Structure formats: structure tokens, C-alpha cells
Amino acid sequence: AFGLPLVLAQPLPGLFAQDVGSSLAIE
């Protein structure tokens, strides 16, 4: 994105699933 690679510090699946009603914080 925006010319910079997003490097995951730990592996995530190709499909990231978020349960209904949950909250993901980006700190």
C-alpha cells in the first residue's frame, strides 16, 4: 500500500476474518 510494503511481524492468513460485533484496534 502507498508504495510501502506491509510486513507482518507474525503470520496472518490470507483471509483475515473479524467476528460480527468485534472491534479491531490499529494502534
mmCIF file of all heavy atoms, coordinates in Angstrom:
data_MODEL
# 
_entry.id   MODEL 
# 
loop_
_atom_site.group_PDB 
_atom_site.id 
_atom_site.type_symbol 
_atom_site.label_atom_id 
_atom_site.label_alt_id 
_atom_site.label_comp_id 
_atom_site.label_asym_id 
_atom_site.label_entity_id 
_atom_site.label_seq_id 
_atom_site.pdbx_PDB_ins_code 
_atom_site.Cartn_x 
_atom_site.Cartn_y 
_atom_site.Cartn_z 
_atom_site.occupancy 
_atom_site.B_iso_or_equiv 
_atom_site.pdbx_formal_charge 
_atom_site.auth_seq_id 
_atom_site.auth_comp_id 
_atom_site.auth_asym_id 
_atom_site.auth_atom_id 
_atom_site.pdbx_PDB_model_num 
ATOM 1   N N   . ALA A 1 1  ? 0.836   -1.191  0.000  1.00 0.00 ? 1  ALA A N   1 
ATOM 2   C CA  . ALA A 1 1  ? 0.000   0.000   0.000  1.00 0.00 ? 1  ALA A CA  1 
ATOM 3   C C   . ALA A 1 1  ? 0.877   1.250   0.000  1.00 0.00 ? 1  ALA A C   1 
ATOM 4   O O   . ALA A 1 1  ? 1.931   1.267   0.625  1.00 0.00 ? 1  ALA A O   1 
ATOM 5   C CB  . ALA A 1 1  ? -0.895  0.006   1.242  1.00 0.00 ? 1  ALA A CB  1 
ATOM 6   N N   . PHE A 1 2  ? 0.428   2.257   -0.680 1.00 0.00 ? 2  PHE A N   1 
ATOM 7   C CA  . PHE A 1 2  ? 1.080   3.562   -0.779 1.00 0.00 ? 2  PHE A CA  1 
ATOM 8   C C   . PHE A 1 2  ? 2.594   3.459   -0.991 1.00 0.00 ? 2  PHE A C   1 
ATOM 9   O O   . PHE A 1 2  ? 3.373   4.267   -0.509 1.00 0.00 ? 2  PHE A O   1 
ATOM 10  C CB  . PHE A 1 2  ? 0.774   4.442   0.451  1.00 0.00 ? 2  PHE A CB  1 
ATOM 11  C CG  . PHE A 1 2  ? 0.967   3.786   1.798  1.00 0.00 ? 2  PHE A CG  1 
ATOM 12  C CD1 . PHE A 1 2  ? 2.166   3.850   2.462  1.00 0.00 ? 2  PHE A CD1 1 
ATOM 13  C CD2 . PHE A 1 2  ? -0.085  3.108   2.400  1.00 0.00 ? 2  PHE A CD2 1 
ATOM 14  C CE1 . PHE A 1 2  ? 2.344   3.265   3.705  1.00 0.00 ? 2  PHE A CE1 1 
ATOM 15  C CE2 . PHE A 1 2  ? 0.082   2.505   3.641  1.00 0.00 ? 2  PHE A CE2 1 
ATOM 16  C CZ  . PHE A 1 2  ? 1.295   2.597   4.293  1.00 0.00 ? 2  PHE A CZ  1 
ATOM 17  N N   . GLY A 1 3  ? 2.998   2.414   -1.744 1.00 0.00 ? 3  GLY A N   1 
ATOM 18  C CA  . GLY A 1 3  ? 4.396   2.276   -2.101 1.00 0.00 ? 3  GLY A CA  1 
ATOM 19  C C   . GLY A 1 3  ? 5.276   1.660   -1.040 1.00 0.00 ? 3  GLY A C   1 
ATOM 20  O O   . GLY A 1 3  ? 6.467   1.463   -1.255 1.00 0.00 ? 3  GLY A O   1 
ATOM 21  N N   . LEU A 1 4  ? 4.716   1.355   0.133  1.00 0.00 ? 4  LEU A N   1 
ATOM 22  C CA  . LEU A 1 4  ? 5.494   0.751   1.204  1.00 0.00 ? 4  LEU A CA  1 
ATOM 23  C C   . LEU A 1 4  ? 4.955   -0.640  1.496  1.00 0.00 ? 4  LEU A C   1 
ATOM 24  O O   . LEU A 1 4  ? 3.755   -0.822  1.669  1.00 0.00 ? 4  LEU A O   1 
ATOM 25  C CB  . LEU A 1 4  ? 5.410   1.603   2.486  1.00 0.00 ? 4  LEU A CB  1 
ATOM 26  C CG  . LEU A 1 4  ? 6.018   2.995   2.425  1.00 0.00 ? 4  LEU A CG  1 
ATOM 27  C CD1 . LEU A 1 4  ? 5.718   3.738   3.726  1.00 0.00 ? 4  LEU A CD1 1 
ATOM 28  C CD2 . LEU A 1 4  ? 7.515   2.915   2.203  1.00 0.00 ? 4  LEU A CD2 1 
ATOM 29  N N   . PRO A 1 5  ? 5.821   -1.646  1.558  1.00 0.00 ? 5  PRO A N   1 
ATOM 30  C CA  . PRO A 1 5  ? 5.337   -2.991  1.866  1.00 0.00 ? 5  PRO A CA  1 
ATOM 31  C C   . PRO A 1 5  ? 4.878   -3.086  3.312  1.00 0.00 ? 5  PRO A C   1 
ATOM 32  O O   . PRO A 1 5  ? 5.497   -2.544  4.211  1.00 0.00 ? 5  PRO A O   1 
ATOM 33  C CB  . PRO A 1 5  ? 6.573   -3.868  1.625  1.00 0.00 ? 5  PRO A CB  1 
ATOM 34  C CG  . PRO A 1 5  ? 7.720   -2.955  1.844  1.00 0.00 ? 5  PRO A CG  1 
ATOM 35  C CD  . PRO A 1 5  ? 7.280   -1.595  1.397  1.00 0.00 ? 5  PRO A CD  1 
ATOM 36  N N   . LEU A 1 6  ? 3.756   -3.747  3.537  1.00 0.00 ? 6  LEU A N   1 
ATOM 37  C CA  . LEU A 1 6  ? 3.286   -4.012  4.892  1.00 0.00 ? 6  LEU A CA  1 
ATOM 38  C C   . LEU A 1 6  ? 3.866   -5.357  5.316  1.00 0.00 ? 6  LEU A C   1 
ATOM 39  O O   . LEU A 1 6  ? 3.438   -6.399  4.836  1.00 0.00 ? 6  LEU A O   1 
ATOM 40  C CB  . LEU A 1 6  ? 1.759   -4.052  4.943  1.00 0.00 ? 6  LEU A CB  1 
ATOM 41  C CG  . LEU A 1 6  ? 1.035   -2.772  4.519  1.00 0.00 ? 6  LEU A CG  1 
ATOM 42  C CD1 . LEU A 1 6  ? -0.466  -2.951  4.676  1.00 0.00 ? 6  LEU A CD1 1 
ATOM 43  C CD2 . LEU A 1 6  ? 1.524   -1.595  5.341  1.00 0.00 ? 6  LEU A CD2 1 
ATOM 44  N N   . VAL A 1 7  ? 4.818   -5.339  6.200  1.00 0.00 ? 7  VAL A N   1 
ATOM 45  C CA  . VAL A 1 7  ? 5.479   -6.558  6.649  1.00 0.00 ? 7  VAL A CA  1 
ATOM 46  C C   . VAL A 1 7  ? 4.828   -7.015  7.951  1.00 0.00 ? 7  VAL A C   1 
ATOM 47  O O   . VAL A 1 7  ? 4.809   -6.276  8.931  1.00 0.00 ? 7  VAL A O   1 
ATOM 48  C CB  . VAL A 1 7  ? 6.983   -6.313  6.885  1.00 0.00 ? 7  VAL A CB  1 
ATOM 49  C CG1 . VAL A 1 7  ? 7.660   -7.598  7.341  1.00 0.00 ? 7  VAL A CG1 1 
ATOM 50  C CG2 . VAL A 1 7  ? 7.633   -5.776  5.622  1.00 0.00 ? 7  VAL A CG2 1 
ATOM 51  N N   . LEU A 1 8  ? 4.265   -8.201  7.961  1.00 0.00 ? 8  LEU A N   1 
ATOM 52  C CA  . LEU A 1 8  ? 3.620   -8.706  9.160  1.00 0.00 ? 8  LEU A CA  1 
ATOM 53  C C   . LEU A 1 8  ? 4.671   -9.229  10.133 1.00 0.00 ? 8  LEU A C   1 
ATOM 54  O O   . LEU A 1 8  ? 5.512   -10.055 9.781  1.00 0.00 ? 8  LEU A O   1 
ATOM 55  C CB  . LEU A 1 8  ? 2.631   -9.819  8.809  1.00 0.00 ? 8  LEU A CB  1 
ATOM 56  C CG  . LEU A 1 8  ? 1.496   -9.410  7.876  1.00 0.00 ? 8  LEU A CG  1 
ATOM 57  C CD1 . LEU A 1 8  ? 0.612   -10.603 7.601  1.00 0.00 ? 8  LEU A CD1 1 
ATOM 58  C CD2 . LEU A 1 8  ? 0.691   -8.279  8.462  1.00 0.00 ? 8  LEU A CD2 1 
ATOM 59  N N   . ALA A 1 9  ? 4.611   -8.743  11.372 1.00 0.00 ? 9  ALA A N   1 
ATOM 60  C CA  . ALA A 1 9  ? 5.553   -9.195  12.379 1.00 0.00 ? 9  ALA A CA  1 
ATOM 61  C C   . ALA A 1 9  ? 5.302   -10.643 12.758 1.00 0.00 ? 9  ALA A C   1 
ATOM 62  O O   . ALA A 1 9  ? 6.175   -11.322 13.270 1.00 0.00 ? 9  ALA A O   1 
ATOM 63  C CB  . ALA A 1 9  ? 5.459   -8.304  13.616 1.00 0.00 ? 9  ALA A CB  1 
ATOM 64  N N   . GLN A 1 10 ? 4.088   -11.122 12.534 1.00 0.00 ? 10 GLN A N   1 
ATOM 65  C CA  . GLN A 1 10 ? 3.777   -12.536 12.703 1.00 0.00 ? 10 GLN A CA  1 
ATOM 66  C C   . GLN A 1 10 ? 2.771   -12.901 11.629 1.00 0.00 ? 10 GLN A C   1 
ATOM 67  O O   . GLN A 1 10 ? 2.020   -12.058 11.155 1.00 0.00 ? 10 GLN A O   1 
ATOM 68  C CB  . GLN A 1 10 ? 3.231   -12.818 14.100 1.00 0.00 ? 10 GLN A CB  1 
ATOM 69  C CG  . GLN A 1 10 ? 1.983   -12.060 14.464 1.00 0.00 ? 10 GLN A CG  1 
ATOM 70  C CD  . GLN A 1 10 ? 1.666   -12.193 15.942 1.00 0.00 ? 10 GLN A CD  1 
ATOM 71  O OE1 . GLN A 1 10 ? 2.376   -11.684 16.790 1.00 0.00 ? 10 GLN A OE1 1 
ATOM 72  N NE2 . GLN A 1 10 ? 0.596   -12.885 16.247 1.00 0.00 ? 10 GLN A NE2 1 
ATOM 73  N N   . PRO A 1 11 ? 2.753   -14.159 11.180 1.00 0.00 ? 11 PRO A N   1 
ATOM 74  C CA  . PRO A 1 11 ? 1.917   -14.523 10.035 1.00 0.00 ? 11 PRO A CA  1 
ATOM 75  C C   . PRO A 1 11 ? 0.431   -14.328 10.301 1.00 0.00 ? 11 PRO A C   1 
ATOM 76  O O   . PRO A 1 11 ? -0.065  -14.571 11.394 1.00 0.00 ? 11 PRO A O   1 
ATOM 77  C CB  . PRO A 1 11 ? 2.236   -16.013 9.836  1.00 0.00 ? 11 PRO A CB  1 
ATOM 78  C CG  . PRO A 1 11 ? 3.551   -16.216 10.504 1.00 0.00 ? 11 PRO A CG  1 
ATOM 79  C CD  . PRO A 1 11 ? 3.566   -15.274 11.669 1.00 0.00 ? 11 PRO A CD  1 
ATOM 80  N N   . LEU A 1 12 ? -0.279  -13.856 9.285  1.00 0.00 ? 12 LEU A N   1 
ATOM 81  C CA  . LEU A 1 12 ? -1.738  -13.803 9.292  1.00 0.00 ? 12 LEU A CA  1 
ATOM 82  C C   . LEU A 1 12 ? -2.225  -14.588 8.084  1.00 0.00 ? 12 LEU A C   1 
ATOM 83  O O   . LEU A 1 12 ? -1.550  -14.633 7.066  1.00 0.00 ? 12 LEU A O   1 
ATOM 84  C CB  . LEU A 1 12 ? -2.248  -12.360 9.170  1.00 0.00 ? 12 LEU A CB  1 
ATOM 85  C CG  . LEU A 1 12 ? -2.054  -11.430 10.368 1.00 0.00 ? 12 LEU A CG  1 
ATOM 86  C CD1 . LEU A 1 12 ? -2.612  -10.065 10.032 1.00 0.00 ? 12 LEU A CD1 1 
ATOM 87  C CD2 . LEU A 1 12 ? -2.742  -11.983 11.594 1.00 0.00 ? 12 LEU A CD2 1 
ATOM 88  N N   . PRO A 1 13 ? -3.379  -15.194 8.163  1.00 0.00 ? 13 PRO A N   1 
ATOM 89  C CA  . PRO A 1 13 ? -3.908  -15.891 6.991  1.00 0.00 ? 13 PRO A CA  1 
ATOM 90  C C   . PRO A 1 13 ? -4.245  -14.907 5.883  1.00 0.00 ? 13 PRO A C   1 
ATOM 91  O O   . PRO A 1 13 ? -4.462  -13.730 6.133  1.00 0.00 ? 13 PRO A O   1 
ATOM 92  C CB  . PRO A 1 13 ? -5.167  -16.570 7.536  1.00 0.00 ? 13 PRO A CB  1 
ATOM 93  C CG  . PRO A 1 13 ? -5.551  -15.758 8.723  1.00 0.00 ? 13 PRO A CG  1 
ATOM 94  C CD  . PRO A 1 13 ? -4.258  -15.285 9.332  1.00 0.00 ? 13 PRO A CD  1 
ATOM 95  N N   . GLY A 1 14 ? -4.268  -15.395 4.671  1.00 0.00 ? 14 GLY A N   1 
ATOM 96  C CA  . GLY A 1 14 ? -4.618  -14.535 3.560  1.00 0.00 ? 14 GLY A CA  1 
ATOM 97  C C   . GLY A 1 14 ? -5.994  -13.931 3.719  1.00 0.00 ? 14 GLY A C   1 
ATOM 98  O O   . GLY A 1 14 ? -6.256  -12.831 3.276  1.00 0.00 ? 14 GLY A O   1 
ATOM 99  N N   . LEU A 1 15 ? -6.891  -14.657 4.382  1.00 0.00 ? 15 LEU A N   1 
ATOM 100 C CA  . LEU A 1 15 ? -8.230  -14.146 4.647  1.00 0.00 ? 15 LEU A CA  1 
ATOM 101 C C   . LEU A 1 15 ? -8.310  -13.789 6.114  1.00 0.00 ? 15 LEU A C   1 
ATOM 102 O O   . LEU A 1 15 ? -8.277  -14.662 6.978  1.00 0.00 ? 15 LEU A O   1 
ATOM 103 C CB  . LEU A 1 15 ? -9.290  -15.205 4.309  1.00 0.00 ? 15 LEU A CB  1 
ATOM 104 C CG  . LEU A 1 15 ? -10.747 -14.812 4.594  1.00 0.00 ? 15 LEU A CG  1 
ATOM 105 C CD1 . LEU A 1 15 ? -11.157 -13.640 3.725  1.00 0.00 ? 15 LEU A CD1 1 
ATOM 106 C CD2 . LEU A 1 15 ? -11.681 -15.985 4.351  1.00 0.00 ? 15 LEU A CD2 1 
ATOM 107 N N   . PHE A 1 16 ? -8.353  -12.513 6.402  1.00 0.00 ? 16 PHE A N   1 
ATOM 108 C CA  . PHE A 1 16 ? -8.476  -12.068 7.782  1.00 0.00 ? 16 PHE A CA  1 
ATOM 109 C C   . PHE A 1 16 ? -9.955  -11.933 8.115  1.00 0.00 ? 16 PHE A C   1 
ATOM 110 O O   . PHE A 1 16 ? -10.674 -11.183 7.472  1.00 0.00 ? 16 PHE A O   1 
ATOM 111 C CB  . PHE A 1 16 ? -7.773  -10.726 7.985  1.00 0.00 ? 16 PHE A CB  1 
ATOM 112 C CG  . PHE A 1 16 ? -8.097  -10.068 9.297  1.00 0.00 ? 16 PHE A CG  1 
ATOM 113 C CD1 . PHE A 1 16 ? -7.586  -10.579 10.473 1.00 0.00 ? 16 PHE A CD1 1 
ATOM 114 C CD2 . PHE A 1 16 ? -8.926  -8.966  9.343  1.00 0.00 ? 16 PHE A CD2 1 
ATOM 115 C CE1 . PHE A 1 16 ? -7.891  -9.999  11.677 1.00 0.00 ? 16 PHE A CE1 1 
ATOM 116 C CE2 . PHE A 1 16 ? -9.238  -8.379  10.538 1.00 0.00 ? 16 PHE A CE2 1 
ATOM 117 C CZ  . PHE A 1 16 ? -8.717  -8.888  11.717 1.00 0.00 ? 16 PHE A CZ  1 
ATOM 118 N N   . ALA A 1 17 ? -10.428 -12.659 9.092  1.00 0.00 ? 17 ALA A N   1 
ATOM 119 C CA  . ALA A 1 17 ? -11.848 -12.644 9.447  1.00 0.00 ? 17 ALA A CA  1 
ATOM 120 C C   . ALA A 1 17 ? -12.048 -11.965 10.786 1.00 0.00 ? 17 ALA A C   1 
ATOM 121 O O   . ALA A 1 17 ? -11.320 -12.212 11.743 1.00 0.00 ? 17 ALA A O   1 
ATOM 122 C CB  . ALA A 1 17 ? -12.394 -14.068 9.509  1.00 0.00 ? 17 ALA A CB  1 
ATOM 123 N N   . GLN A 1 18 ? -13.035 -11.113 10.837 1.00 0.00 ? 18 GLN A N   1 
ATOM 124 C CA  . GLN A 1 18 ? -13.386 -10.400 12.064 1.00 0.00 ? 18 GLN A CA  1 
ATOM 125 C C   . GLN A 1 18 ? -14.821 -10.758 12.415 1.00 0.00 ? 18 GLN A C   1 
ATOM 126 O O   . GLN A 1 18 ? -15.720 -10.600 11.608 1.00 0.00 ? 18 GLN A O   1 
ATOM 127 C CB  . GLN A 1 18 ? -13.265 -8.889  11.832 1.00 0.00 ? 18 GLN A CB  1 
ATOM 128 C CG  . GLN A 1 18 ? -13.576 -8.031  13.041 1.00 0.00 ? 18 GLN A CG  1 
ATOM 129 C CD  . GLN A 1 18 ? -12.374 -7.880  13.939 1.00 0.00 ? 18 GLN A CD  1 
ATOM 130 O OE1 . GLN A 1 18 ? -11.384 -8.578  13.773 1.00 0.00 ? 18 GLN A OE1 1 
ATOM 131 N NE2 . GLN A 1 18 ? -12.461 -6.992  14.902 1.00 0.00 ? 18 GLN A NE2 1 
ATOM 132 N N   . ASP A 1 19 ? -15.049 -11.305 13.604 1.00 0.00 ? 19 ASP A N   1 
ATOM 133 C CA  . ASP A 1 19 ? -16.383 -11.708 14.001 1.00 0.00 ? 19 ASP A CA  1 
ATOM 134 C C   . ASP A 1 19 ? -17.312 -10.504 14.095 1.00 0.00 ? 19 ASP A C   1 
ATOM 135 O O   . ASP A 1 19 ? -16.898 -9.397  14.454 1.00 0.00 ? 19 ASP A O   1 
ATOM 136 C CB  . ASP A 1 19 ? -16.356 -12.428 15.346 1.00 0.00 ? 19 ASP A CB  1 
ATOM 137 C CG  . ASP A 1 19 ? -15.688 -13.797 15.246 1.00 0.00 ? 19 ASP A CG  1 
ATOM 138 O OD1 . ASP A 1 19 ? -15.722 -14.369 14.147 1.00 0.00 ? 19 ASP A OD1 1 
ATOM 139 O OD2 . ASP A 1 19 ? -15.152 -14.260 16.257 1.00 0.00 ? 19 ASP A OD2 1 
ATOM 140 N N   . VAL A 1 20 ? -18.581 -10.732 13.797 1.00 0.00 ? 20 VAL A N   1 
ATOM 141 C CA  . VAL A 1 20 ? -19.588 -9.692  13.917 1.00 0.00 ? 20 VAL A CA  1 
ATOM 142 C C   . VAL A 1 20 ? -19.603 -9.175  15.351 1.00 0.00 ? 20 VAL A C   1 
ATOM 143 O O   . VAL A 1 20 ? -19.589 -9.944  16.306 1.00 0.00 ? 20 VAL A O   1 
ATOM 144 C CB  . VAL A 1 20 ? -20.977 -10.238 13.533 1.00 0.00 ? 20 VAL A CB  1 
ATOM 145 C CG1 . VAL A 1 20 ? -22.052 -9.216  13.859 1.00 0.00 ? 20 VAL A CG1 1 
ATOM 146 C CG2 . VAL A 1 20 ? -21.024 -10.589 12.062 1.00 0.00 ? 20 VAL A CG2 1 
ATOM 147 N N   . GLY A 1 21 ? -19.604 -7.872  15.504 1.00 0.00 ? 21 GLY A N   1 
ATOM 148 C CA  . GLY A 1 21 ? -19.674 -7.277  16.816 1.00 0.00 ? 21 GLY A CA  1 
ATOM 149 C C   . GLY A 1 21 ? -18.333 -7.079  17.494 1.00 0.00 ? 21 GLY A C   1 
ATOM 150 O O   . GLY A 1 21 ? -18.269 -6.568  18.608 1.00 0.00 ? 21 GLY A O   1 
ATOM 151 N N   . SER A 1 22 ? -17.237 -7.445  16.848 1.00 0.00 ? 22 SER A N   1 
ATOM 152 C CA  . SER A 1 22 ? -15.925 -7.278  17.458 1.00 0.00 ? 22 SER A CA  1 
ATOM 153 C C   . SER A 1 22 ? -15.272 -5.983  16.980 1.00 0.00 ? 22 SER A C   1 
ATOM 154 O O   . SER A 1 22 ? -15.695 -5.387  16.004 1.00 0.00 ? 22 SER A O   1 
ATOM 155 C CB  . SER A 1 22 ? -15.022 -8.472  17.145 1.00 0.00 ? 22 SER A CB  1 
ATOM 156 O OG  . SER A 1 22 ? -14.890 -8.625  15.746 1.00 0.00 ? 22 SER A OG  1 
ATOM 157 N N   . SER A 1 23 ? -14.231 -5.569  17.698 1.00 0.00 ? 23 SER A N   1 
ATOM 158 C CA  . SER A 1 23 ? -13.560 -4.312  17.383 1.00 0.00 ? 23 SER A CA  1 
ATOM 159 C C   . SER A 1 23 ? -12.068 -4.544  17.213 1.00 0.00 ? 23 SER A C   1 
ATOM 160 O O   . SER A 1 23 ? -11.405 -5.063  18.114 1.00 0.00 ? 23 SER A O   1 
ATOM 161 C CB  . SER A 1 23 ? -13.785 -3.291  18.506 1.00 0.00 ? 23 SER A CB  1 
ATOM 162 O OG  . SER A 1 23 ? -15.166 -2.988  18.657 1.00 0.00 ? 23 SER A OG  1 
ATOM 163 N N   . LEU A 1 24 ? -11.568 -4.170  16.051 1.00 0.00 ? 24 LEU A N   1 
ATOM 164 C CA  . LEU A 1 24 ? -10.135 -4.254  15.767 1.00 0.00 ? 24 LEU A CA  1 
ATOM 165 C C   . LEU A 1 24 ? -9.521  -2.879  15.958 1.00 0.00 ? 24 LEU A C   1 
ATOM 166 O O   . LEU A 1 24 ? -9.961  -1.907  15.339 1.00 0.00 ? 24 LEU A O   1 
ATOM 167 C CB  . LEU A 1 24 ? -9.900  -4.723  14.332 1.00 0.00 ? 24 LEU A CB  1 
ATOM 168 C CG  . LEU A 1 24 ? -8.477  -4.573  13.786 1.00 0.00 ? 24 LEU A CG  1 
ATOM 169 C CD1 . LEU A 1 24 ? -7.530  -5.522  14.515 1.00 0.00 ? 24 LEU A CD1 1 
ATOM 170 C CD2 . LEU A 1 24 ? -8.443  -4.823  12.290 1.00 0.00 ? 24 LEU A CD2 1 
ATOM 171 N N   . ALA A 1 25 ? -8.531  -2.782  16.829 1.00 0.00 ? 25 ALA A N   1 
ATOM 172 C CA  . ALA A 1 25 ? -7.839  -1.515  17.047 1.00 0.00 ? 25 ALA A CA  1 
ATOM 173 C C   . ALA A 1 25 ? -6.537  -1.508  16.270 1.00 0.00 ? 25 ALA A C   1 
ATOM 174 O O   . ALA A 1 25 ? -5.797  -2.486  16.282 1.00 0.00 ? 25 ALA A O   1 
ATOM 175 C CB  . ALA A 1 25 ? -7.551  -1.312  18.530 1.00 0.00 ? 25 ALA A CB  1 
ATOM 176 N N   . ILE A 1 26 ? -6.271  -0.408  15.574 1.00 0.00 ? 26 ILE A N   1 
ATOM 177 C CA  . ILE A 1 26 ? -4.974  -0.207  14.932 1.00 0.00 ? 26 ILE A CA  1 
ATOM 178 C C   . ILE A 1 26 ? -4.263  0.869   15.735 1.00 0.00 ? 26 ILE A C   1 
ATOM 179 O O   . ILE A 1 26 ? -4.634  2.040   15.701 1.00 0.00 ? 26 ILE A O   1 
ATOM 180 C CB  . ILE A 1 26 ? -5.120  0.208   13.456 1.00 0.00 ? 26 ILE A CB  1 
ATOM 181 C CG1 . ILE A 1 26 ? -5.859  -0.874  12.666 1.00 0.00 ? 26 ILE A CG1 1 
ATOM 182 C CG2 . ILE A 1 26 ? -3.742  0.463   12.849 1.00 0.00 ? 26 ILE A CG2 1 
ATOM 183 C CD1 . ILE A 1 26 ? -6.065  -0.542  11.204 1.00 0.00 ? 26 ILE A CD1 1 
ATOM 184 N N   . GLU A 1 27 ? -3.283  0.430   16.490 1.00 0.00 ? 27 GLU A N   1 
ATOM 185 C CA  . GLU A 1 27 ? -2.519  1.326   17.352 1.00 0.00 ? 27 GLU A CA  1 
ATOM 186 C C   . GLU A 1 27 ? -1.213  1.639   16.642 1.00 0.00 ? 27 GLU A C   1 
ATOM 187 O O   . GLU A 1 27 ? -0.518  0.734   16.192 1.00 0.00 ? 27 GLU A O   1 
ATOM 188 C CB  . GLU A 1 27 ? -2.256  0.645   18.695 1.00 0.00 ? 27 GLU A CB  1 
ATOM 189 C CG  . GLU A 1 27 ? -1.644  1.542   19.741 1.00 0.00 ? 27 GLU A CG  1 
ATOM 190 C CD  . GLU A 1 27 ? -1.446  0.793   21.044 1.00 0.00 ? 27 GLU A CD  1 
ATOM 191 O OE1 . GLU A 1 27 ? -0.644  -0.163  21.024 1.00 0.00 ? 27 GLU A OE1 1 
ATOM 192 O OE2 . GLU A 1 27 ? -2.077  1.141   22.054 1.00 0.00 ? 27 GLU A OE2 1 
# 
